[in-house]
Amino acid sequence: MAQATEGERAEAVRQKYLPLFERQPGYLAAWVGFIRNADESLTDQIAIKVGVEEVIDQSTLPEADRIPDCLDGIPVEIIELVQGYPA
């Protein structure tokens, strides 16, 4: 059996944690994509992106609803979406 690619592994993690992502206030979508640098250029590192109407401090949520920076070895980014696109 072939080893899963990083993208396939990230997609499996996204599906596993989808119920957690959907509990975020203002949740819109979750997908697998590349991490962006501060200058908005793309890196080659895969991450799970969680799009919300407004990013809130995770410490204000119940512990069971908090999304860590990394799940099963895959980085997670919570980003604000405006009309379906990153703000």
PDB file of N, CA and C in Angstrom:
ATOM      1  N   MET A   1       0.852  -1.189   0.000  1.00  0.00           N
ATOM      2  CA  MET A   1       0.000   0.000   0.000  1.00  0.00           C
ATOM      3  C   MET A   1       0.895   1.249   0.000  1.00  0.00           C
ATOM      4  N   ALA A   2       0.593   2.200  -0.838  1.00  0.00           N
ATOM      5  CA  ALA A   2       1.380   3.421  -0.945  1.00  0.00           C
ATOM      6  C   ALA A   2       1.164   4.320   0.271  1.00  0.00           C
ATOM      7  N   GLN A   3       2.214   5.015   0.647  1.00  0.00           N
ATOM      8  CA  GLN A   3       2.129   5.952   1.761  1.00  0.00           C
ATOM      9  C   GLN A   3       1.342   7.189   1.326  1.00  0.00           C
ATOM     10  N   ALA A   4       0.495   7.682   2.225  1.00  0.00           N
ATOM     11  CA  ALA A   4      -0.319   8.865   1.911  1.00  0.00           C
ATOM     12  C   ALA A   4       0.575  10.089   1.751  1.00  0.00           C
ATOM     13  N   THR A   5       0.207  10.958   0.815  1.00  0.00           N
ATOM     14  CA  THR A   5       0.922  12.215   0.663  1.00  0.00           C
ATOM     15  C   THR A   5       0.556  13.135   1.827  1.00  0.00           C
ATOM     16  N   GLU A   6       1.321  14.197   2.009  1.00  0.00           N
ATOM     17  CA  GLU A   6       1.031  15.157   3.075  1.00  0.00           C
ATOM     18  C   GLU A   6      -0.355  15.768   2.894  1.00  0.00           C
ATOM     19  N   GLY A   7      -0.736  16.044   1.655  1.00  0.00           N
ATOM     20  CA  GLY A   7      -2.065  16.586   1.381  1.00  0.00           C
ATOM     21  C   GLY A   7      -3.172  15.614   1.741  1.00  0.00           C
ATOM     22  N   GLU A   8      -2.967  14.343   1.422  1.00  0.00           N
ATOM     23  CA  GLU A   8      -3.964  13.317   1.763  1.00  0.00           C
ATOM     24  C   GLU A   8      -4.071  13.162   3.281  1.00  0.00           C
ATOM     25  N   ARG A   9      -2.936  13.191   3.949  1.00  0.00           N
ATOM     26  CA  ARG A   9      -2.942  13.105   5.413  1.00  0.00           C
ATOM     27  C   ARG A   9      -3.667  14.297   6.021  1.00  0.00           C
ATOM     28  N   ALA A  10      -3.400  15.494   5.491  1.00  0.00           N
ATOM     29  CA  ALA A  10      -4.062  16.702   5.978  1.00  0.00           C
ATOM     30  C   ALA A  10      -5.568  16.623   5.756  1.00  0.00           C
ATOM     31  N   GLU A  11      -5.990  16.094   4.616  1.00  0.00           N
ATOM     32  CA  GLU A  11      -7.416  15.961   4.333  1.00  0.00           C
ATOM     33  C   GLU A  11      -8.066  14.982   5.313  1.00  0.00           C
ATOM     34  N   ALA A  12      -7.391  13.904   5.643  1.00  0.00           N
ATOM     35  CA  ALA A  12      -7.928  12.947   6.616  1.00  0.00           C
ATOM     36  C   ALA A  12      -8.077  13.603   7.991  1.00  0.00           C
ATOM     37  N   VAL A  13      -7.100  14.422   8.377  1.00  0.00           N
ATOM     38  CA  VAL A  13      -7.171  15.134   9.657  1.00  0.00           C
ATOM     39  C   VAL A  13      -8.304  16.157   9.617  1.00  0.00           C
ATOM     40  N   ARG A  14      -8.453  16.857   8.485  1.00  0.00           N
ATOM     41  CA  ARG A  14      -9.548  17.832   8.343  1.00  0.00           C
ATOM     42  C   ARG A  14     -10.890  17.145   8.547  1.00  0.00           C
ATOM     43  N   GLN A  15     -11.076  16.011   7.921  1.00  0.00           N
ATOM     44  CA  GLN A  15     -12.342  15.295   8.054  1.00  0.00           C
ATOM     45  C   GLN A  15     -12.559  14.807   9.485  1.00  0.00           C
ATOM     46  N   LYS A  16     -11.501  14.334  10.104  1.00  0.00           N
ATOM     47  CA  LYS A  16     -11.593  13.833  11.488  1.00  0.00           C
ATOM     48  C   LYS A  16     -12.060  14.929  12.446  1.00  0.00           C
ATOM     49  N   TYR A  17     -11.540  16.141  12.257  1.00  0.00           N
ATOM     50  CA  TYR A  17     -11.827  17.237  13.186  1.00  0.00           C
ATOM     51  C   TYR A  17     -12.901  18.204  12.682  1.00  0.00           C
ATOM     52  N   LEU A  18     -13.576  17.874  11.593  1.00  0.00           N
ATOM     53  CA  LEU A  18     -14.606  18.757  11.058  1.00  0.00           C
ATOM     54  C   LEU A  18     -15.658  19.145  12.101  1.00  0.00           C
ATOM     55  N   PRO A  19     -16.138  18.230  12.946  1.00  0.00           N
ATOM     56  CA  PRO A  19     -17.115  18.648  13.978  1.00  0.00           C
ATOM     57  C   PRO A  19     -16.560  19.738  14.903  1.00  0.00           C
ATOM     58  N   LEU A  20     -15.274  19.675  15.231  1.00  0.00           N
ATOM     59  CA  LEU A  20     -14.656  20.714  16.054  1.00  0.00           C
ATOM     60  C   LEU A  20     -14.640  22.043  15.309  1.00  0.00           C
ATOM     61  N   PHE A  21     -14.243  22.021  14.049  1.00  0.00           N
ATOM     62  CA  PHE A  21     -14.194  23.246  13.265  1.00  0.00           C
ATOM     63  C   PHE A  21     -15.580  23.874  13.155  1.00  0.00           C
ATOM     64  N   GLU A  22     -16.582  23.034  12.947  1.00  0.00           N
ATOM     65  CA  GLU A  22     -17.951  23.529  12.774  1.00  0.00           C
ATOM     66  C   GLU A  22     -18.507  24.169  14.045  1.00  0.00           C
ATOM     67  N   ARG A  23     -17.907  23.915  15.191  1.00  0.00           N
ATOM     68  CA  ARG A  23     -18.355  24.539  16.450  1.00  0.00           C
ATOM     69  C   ARG A  23     -17.788  25.948  16.638  1.00  0.00           C
ATOM     70  N   GLN A  24     -16.903  26.373  15.759  1.00  0.00           N
ATOM     71  CA  GLN A  24     -16.348  27.723  15.872  1.00  0.00           C
ATOM     72  C   GLN A  24     -17.436  28.758  15.604  1.00  0.00           C
ATOM     73  N   PRO A  25     -17.493  29.813  16.417  1.00  0.00           N
ATOM     74  CA  PRO A  25     -18.451  30.885  16.134  1.00  0.00           C
ATOM     75  C   PRO A  25     -18.187  31.463  14.735  1.00  0.00           C
ATOM     76  N   GLY A  26     -19.217  31.598  13.941  1.00  0.00           N
ATOM     77  CA  GLY A  26     -19.084  32.164  12.602  1.00  0.00           C
ATOM     78  C   GLY A  26     -18.393  31.257  11.610  1.00  0.00           C
ATOM     79  N   TYR A  27     -18.387  29.949  11.874  1.00  0.00           N
ATOM     80  CA  TYR A  27     -17.733  28.988  10.973  1.00  0.00           C
ATOM     81  C   TYR A  27     -18.326  29.092   9.564  1.00  0.00           C
ATOM     82  N   LEU A  28     -17.439  29.087   8.562  1.00  0.00           N
ATOM     83  CA  LEU A  28     -17.872  29.123   7.164  1.00  0.00           C
ATOM     84  C   LEU A  28     -17.383  27.920   6.366  1.00  0.00           C
ATOM     85  N   ALA A  29     -16.121  27.522   6.561  1.00  0.00           N
ATOM     86  CA  ALA A  29     -15.557  26.432   5.758  1.00  0.00           C
ATOM     87  C   ALA A  29     -14.245  25.954   6.370  1.00  0.00           C
ATOM     88  N   ALA A  30     -13.842  24.742   5.982  1.00  0.00           N
ATOM     89  CA  ALA A  30     -12.523  24.216   6.338  1.00  0.00           C
ATOM     90  C   ALA A  30     -11.961  23.515   5.114  1.00  0.00           C
ATOM     91  N   TRP A  31     -10.685  23.735   4.816  1.00  0.00           N
ATOM     92  CA  TRP A  31     -10.067  23.145   3.642  1.00  0.00           C
ATOM     93  C   TRP A  31      -8.577  22.966   3.894  1.00  0.00           C
ATOM     94  N   VAL A  32      -7.933  22.251   2.995  1.00  0.00           N
ATOM     95  CA  VAL A  32      -6.491  22.054   3.063  1.00  0.00           C
ATOM     96  C   VAL A  32      -5.851  23.025   2.076  1.00  0.00           C
ATOM     97  N   GLY A  33      -4.825  23.719   2.521  1.00  0.00           N
ATOM     98  CA  GLY A  33      -4.131  24.671   1.661  1.00  0.00           C
ATOM     99  C   GLY A  33      -2.707  24.886   2.151  1.00  0.00           C
ATOM    100  N   PHE A  34      -2.032  25.831   1.551  1.00  0.00           N
ATOM    101  CA  PHE A  34      -0.655  26.149   1.925  1.00  0.00           C
ATOM    102  C   PHE A  34      -0.626  27.317   2.898  1.00  0.00           C
ATOM    103  N   ILE A  35       0.350  27.282   3.806  1.00  0.00           N
ATOM    104  CA  ILE A  35       0.551  28.386   4.749  1.00  0.00           C
ATOM    105  C   ILE A  35       1.113  29.578   3.985  1.00  0.00           C
ATOM    106  N   ARG A  36       0.659  30.771   4.356  1.00  0.00           N
ATOM    107  CA  ARG A  36       1.170  32.013   3.755  1.00  0.00           C
ATOM    108  C   ARG A  36       2.149  32.676   4.714  1.00  0.00           C
ATOM    109  N   ASN A  37       3.177  33.285   4.144  1.00  0.00           N
ATOM    110  CA  ASN A  37       4.111  34.096   4.918  1.00  0.00           C
ATOM    111  C   ASN A  37       3.457  35.429   5.258  1.00  0.00           C
ATOM    112  N   ALA A  38       4.123  36.208   6.090  1.00  0.00           N
ATOM    113  CA  ALA A  38       3.609  37.525   6.468  1.00  0.00           C
ATOM    114  C   ALA A  38       3.405  38.417   5.241  1.00  0.00           C
ATOM    115  N   ASP A  39       4.204  38.223   4.194  1.00  0.00           N
ATOM    116  CA  ASP A  39       4.060  39.034   2.976  1.00  0.00           C
ATOM    117  C   ASP A  39       3.036  38.444   2.005  1.00  0.00           C
ATOM    118  N   GLU A  40       2.263  37.439   2.471  1.00  0.00           N
ATOM    119  CA  GLU A  40       1.198  36.783   1.704  1.00  0.00           C
ATOM    120  C   GLU A  40       1.711  35.808   0.645  1.00  0.00           C
ATOM    121  N   SER A  41       3.034  35.613   0.536  1.00  0.00           N
ATOM    122  CA  SER A  41       3.535  34.604  -0.393  1.00  0.00           C
ATOM    123  C   SER A  41       3.287  33.216   0.198  1.00  0.00           C
ATOM    124  N   LEU A  42       3.050  32.257  -0.690  1.00  0.00           N
ATOM    125  CA  LEU A  42       2.767  30.898  -0.237  1.00  0.00           C
ATOM    126  C   LEU A  42       4.049  30.157   0.113  1.00  0.00           C
ATOM    127  N   THR A  43       3.969  29.335   1.157  1.00  0.00           N
ATOM    128  CA  THR A  43       5.052  28.425   1.495  1.00  0.00           C
ATOM    129  C   THR A  43       4.724  27.078   0.864  1.00  0.00           C
ATOM    130  N   ASP A  44       5.590  26.110   1.082  1.00  0.00           N
ATOM    131  CA  ASP A  44       5.297  24.761   0.591  1.00  0.00           C
ATOM    132  C   ASP A  44       4.770  23.872   1.715  1.00  0.00           C
ATOM    133  N   GLN A  45       4.398  24.475   2.846  1.00  0.00           N
ATOM    134  CA  GLN A  45       3.886  23.712   3.983  1.00  0.00           C
ATOM    135  C   GLN A  45       2.360  23.648   3.955  1.00  0.00           C
ATOM    136  N   ILE A  46       1.848  22.424   4.009  1.00  0.00           N
ATOM    137  CA  ILE A  46       0.398  22.168   4.016  1.00  0.00           C
ATOM    138  C   ILE A  46      -0.176  22.493   5.389  1.00  0.00           C
ATOM    139  N   ALA A  47      -1.385  23.022   5.393  1.00  0.00           N
ATOM    140  CA  ALA A  47      -2.093  23.310   6.642  1.00  0.00           C
ATOM    141  C   ALA A  47      -3.586  23.124   6.419  1.00  0.00           C
ATOM    142  N   ILE A  48      -4.289  23.001   7.525  1.00  0.00           N
ATOM    143  CA  ILE A  48      -5.749  23.028   7.478  1.00  0.00           C
ATOM    144  C   ILE A  48      -6.158  24.463   7.743  1.00  0.00           C
ATOM    145  N   LYS A  49      -6.974  25.006   6.872  1.00  0.00           N
ATOM    146  CA  LYS A  49      -7.478  26.375   7.009  1.00  0.00           C
ATOM    147  C   LYS A  49      -8.924  26.305   7.488  1.00  0.00           C
ATOM    148  N   VAL A  50      -9.236  27.069   8.515  1.00  0.00           N
ATOM    149  CA  VAL A  50     -10.601  27.150   9.024  1.00  0.00           C
ATOM    150  C   VAL A  50     -11.062  28.585   8.813  1.00  0.00           C
ATOM    151  N   GLY A  51     -12.044  28.767   7.938  1.00  0.00           N
ATOM    152  CA  GLY A  51     -12.550  30.098   7.625  1.00  0.00           C
ATOM    153  C   GLY A  51     -13.741  30.450   8.503  1.00  0.00           C
ATOM    154  N   VAL A  52     -13.671  31.627   9.105  1.00  0.00           N
ATOM    155  CA  VAL A  52     -14.732  32.110   9.982  1.00  0.00           C
ATOM    156  C   VAL A  52     -15.078  33.551   9.615  1.00  0.00           C
ATOM    157  N   GLU A  53     -16.245  33.999  10.087  1.00  0.00           N
ATOM    158  CA  GLU A  53     -16.654  35.383   9.836  1.00  0.00           C
ATOM    159  C   GLU A  53     -15.758  36.367  10.569  1.00  0.00           C
ATOM    160  N   GLU A  54     -15.303  35.983  11.764  1.00  0.00           N
ATOM    161  CA  GLU A  54     -14.421  36.841  12.559  1.00  0.00           C
ATOM    162  C   GLU A  54     -13.575  35.950  13.457  1.00  0.00           C
ATOM    163  N   VAL A  55     -12.266  36.143  13.432  1.00  0.00           N
ATOM    164  CA  VAL A  55     -11.369  35.372  14.277  1.00  0.00           C
ATOM    165  C   VAL A  55     -11.515  35.863  15.713  1.00  0.00           C
ATOM    166  N   ILE A  56     -11.727  34.914  16.629  1.00  0.00           N
ATOM    167  CA  ILE A  56     -11.820  35.264  18.041  1.00  0.00           C
ATOM    168  C   ILE A  56     -10.727  34.544  18.821  1.00  0.00           C
ATOM    169  N   ASP A  57     -10.412  35.065  19.977  1.00  0.00           N
ATOM    170  CA  ASP A  57      -9.412  34.477  20.853  1.00  0.00           C
ATOM    171  C   ASP A  57      -9.916  33.111  21.312  1.00  0.00           C
ATOM    172  N   GLN A  58      -9.155  32.076  21.005  1.00  0.00           N
ATOM    173  CA  GLN A  58      -9.567  30.719  21.355  1.00  0.00           C
ATOM    174  C   GLN A  58      -9.734  30.530  22.863  1.00  0.00           C
ATOM    175  N   SER A  59      -9.026  31.314  23.667  1.00  0.00           N
ATOM    176  CA  SER A  59      -9.134  31.166  25.124  1.00  0.00           C
ATOM    177  C   SER A  59     -10.509  31.579  25.656  1.00  0.00           C
ATOM    178  N   THR A  60     -11.307  32.266  24.818  1.00  0.00           N
ATOM    179  CA  THR A  60     -12.648  32.671  25.254  1.00  0.00           C
ATOM    180  C   THR A  60     -13.678  31.566  25.032  1.00  0.00           C
ATOM    181  N   LEU A  61     -13.283  30.509  24.346  1.00  0.00           N
ATOM    182  CA  LEU A  61     -14.192  29.397  24.055  1.00  0.00           C
ATOM    183  C   LEU A  61     -14.076  28.313  25.124  1.00  0.00           C
ATOM    184  N   PRO A  62     -15.122  27.493  25.279  1.00  0.00           N
ATOM    185  CA  PRO A  62     -14.994  26.334  26.159  1.00  0.00           C
ATOM    186  C   PRO A  62     -13.815  25.474  25.690  1.00  0.00           C
ATOM    187  N   GLU A  63     -13.116  24.867  26.610  1.00  0.00           N
ATOM    188  CA  GLU A  63     -11.914  24.106  26.268  1.00  0.00           C
ATOM    189  C   GLU A  63     -12.164  23.069  25.165  1.00  0.00           C
ATOM    190  N   ALA A  64     -13.305  22.415  25.186  1.00  0.00           N
ATOM    191  CA  ALA A  64     -13.618  21.380  24.192  1.00  0.00           C
ATOM    192  C   ALA A  64     -13.796  21.953  22.787  1.00  0.00           C
ATOM    193  N   ASP A  65     -14.013  23.267  22.659  1.00  0.00           N
ATOM    194  CA  ASP A  65     -14.239  23.908  21.359  1.00  0.00           C
ATOM    195  C   ASP A  65     -13.012  24.639  20.820  1.00  0.00           C
ATOM    196  N   ARG A  66     -11.928  24.654  21.574  1.00  0.00           N
ATOM    197  CA  ARG A  66     -10.720  25.366  21.147  1.00  0.00           C
ATOM    198  C   ARG A  66      -9.961  24.565  20.100  1.00  0.00           C
ATOM    199  N   ILE A  67      -9.477  25.257  19.099  1.00  0.00           N
ATOM    200  CA  ILE A  67      -8.680  24.630  18.051  1.00  0.00           C
ATOM    201  C   ILE A  67      -7.211  24.943  18.317  1.00  0.00           C
ATOM    202  N   PRO A  68      -6.391  23.902  18.503  1.00  0.00           N
ATOM    203  CA  PRO A  68      -4.963  24.155  18.711  1.00  0.00           C
ATOM    204  C   PRO A  68      -4.283  24.551  17.397  1.00  0.00           C
ATOM    205  N   ASP A  69      -3.048  25.009  17.499  1.00  0.00           N
ATOM    206  CA  ASP A  69      -2.279  25.418  16.323  1.00  0.00           C
ATOM    207  C   ASP A  69      -1.899  24.242  15.432  1.00  0.00           C
ATOM    208  N   CYS A  70      -1.983  23.024  15.975  1.00  0.00           N
ATOM    209  CA  CYS A  70      -1.588  21.835  15.242  1.00  0.00           C
ATOM    210  C   CYS A  70      -2.462  20.665  15.687  1.00  0.00           C
ATOM    211  N   LEU A  71      -2.953  19.886  14.741  1.00  0.00           N
ATOM    212  CA  LEU A  71      -3.759  18.697  15.028  1.00  0.00           C
ATOM    213  C   LEU A  71      -3.130  17.502  14.320  1.00  0.00           C
ATOM    214  N   ASP A  72      -2.782  16.497  15.068  1.00  0.00           N
ATOM    215  CA  ASP A  72      -2.177  15.277  14.504  1.00  0.00           C
ATOM    216  C   ASP A  72      -1.003  15.596  13.591  1.00  0.00           C
ATOM    217  N   GLY A  73      -0.201  16.584  13.983  1.00  0.00           N
ATOM    218  CA  GLY A  73       0.991  16.948  13.220  1.00  0.00           C
ATOM    219  C   GLY A  73       0.752  17.865  12.041  1.00  0.00           C
ATOM    220  N   ILE A  74      -0.486  18.299  11.824  1.00  0.00           N
ATOM    221  CA  ILE A  74      -0.814  19.203  10.708  1.00  0.00           C
ATOM    222  C   ILE A  74      -1.122  20.592  11.286  1.00  0.00           C
ATOM    223  N   PRO A  75      -0.425  21.642  10.830  1.00  0.00           N
ATOM    224  CA  PRO A  75      -0.726  22.995  11.313  1.00  0.00           C
ATOM    225  C   PRO A  75      -2.156  23.402  10.962  1.00  0.00           C
ATOM    226  N   VAL A  76      -2.746  24.221  11.818  1.00  0.00           N
ATOM    227  CA  VAL A  76      -4.103  24.722  11.598  1.00  0.00           C
ATOM    228  C   VAL A  76      -4.062  26.244  11.659  1.00  0.00           C
ATOM    229  N   GLU A  77      -4.671  26.888  10.689  1.00  0.00           N
ATOM    230  CA  GLU A  77      -4.802  28.340  10.664  1.00  0.00           C
ATOM    231  C   GLU A  77      -6.276  28.702  10.655  1.00  0.00           C
ATOM    232  N   ILE A  78      -6.659  29.594  11.549  1.00  0.00           N
ATOM    233  CA  ILE A  78      -8.020  30.125  11.551  1.00  0.00           C
ATOM    234  C   ILE A  78      -7.938  31.494  10.891  1.00  0.00           C
ATOM    235  N   ILE A  79      -8.721  31.672   9.826  1.00  0.00           N
ATOM    236  CA  ILE A  79      -8.640  32.928   9.090  1.00  0.00           C
ATOM    237  C   ILE A  79     -10.033  33.528   8.900  1.00  0.00           C
ATOM    238  N   GLU A  80     -10.043  34.833   8.863  1.00  0.00           N
ATOM    239  CA  GLU A  80     -11.301  35.568   8.627  1.00  0.00           C
ATOM    240  C   GLU A  80     -11.568  35.610   7.138  1.00  0.00           C
ATOM    241  N   LEU A  81     -12.800  35.283   6.772  1.00  0.00           N
ATOM    242  CA  LEU A  81     -13.205  35.346   5.377  1.00  0.00           C
ATOM    243  C   LEU A  81     -14.180  36.502   5.179  1.00  0.00           C
ATOM    244  N   VAL A  82     -13.996  37.218   4.089  1.00  0.00           N
ATOM    245  CA  VAL A  82     -14.892  38.301   3.723  1.00  0.00           C
ATOM    246  C   VAL A  82     -15.475  37.939   2.367  1.00  0.00           C
ATOM    247  N   GLN A  83     -16.781  37.758   2.312  1.00  0.00           N
ATOM    248  CA  GLN A  83     -17.466  37.334   1.082  1.00  0.00           C
ATOM    249  C   GLN A  83     -16.799  36.089   0.495  1.00  0.00           C
ATOM    250  N   GLY A  84     -16.419  35.153   1.392  1.00  0.00           N
ATOM    251  CA  GLY A  84     -15.866  33.883   0.970  1.00  0.00           C
ATOM    252  C   GLY A  84     -14.386  33.878   0.659  1.00  0.00           C
ATOM    253  N   TYR A  85     -13.702  35.020   0.826  1.00  0.00           N
ATOM    254  CA  TYR A  85     -12.270  35.108   0.536  1.00  0.00           C
ATOM    255  C   TYR A  85     -11.515  35.582   1.760  1.00  0.00           C
ATOM    256  N   PRO A  86     -10.224  35.191   1.904  1.00  0.00           N
ATOM    257  CA  PRO A  86      -9.444  35.682   3.043  1.00  0.00           C
ATOM    258  C   PRO A  86      -9.418  37.199   3.087  1.00  0.00           C
ATOM    259  N   ALA A  87      -9.545  37.712   4.303  1.00  0.00           N
ATOM    260  CA  ALA A  87      -9.563  39.169   4.502  1.00  0.00           C
ATOM    261  C   ALA A  87      -8.194  39.751   4.296  1.00  0.00           C
TER     262      ALA A  87
END
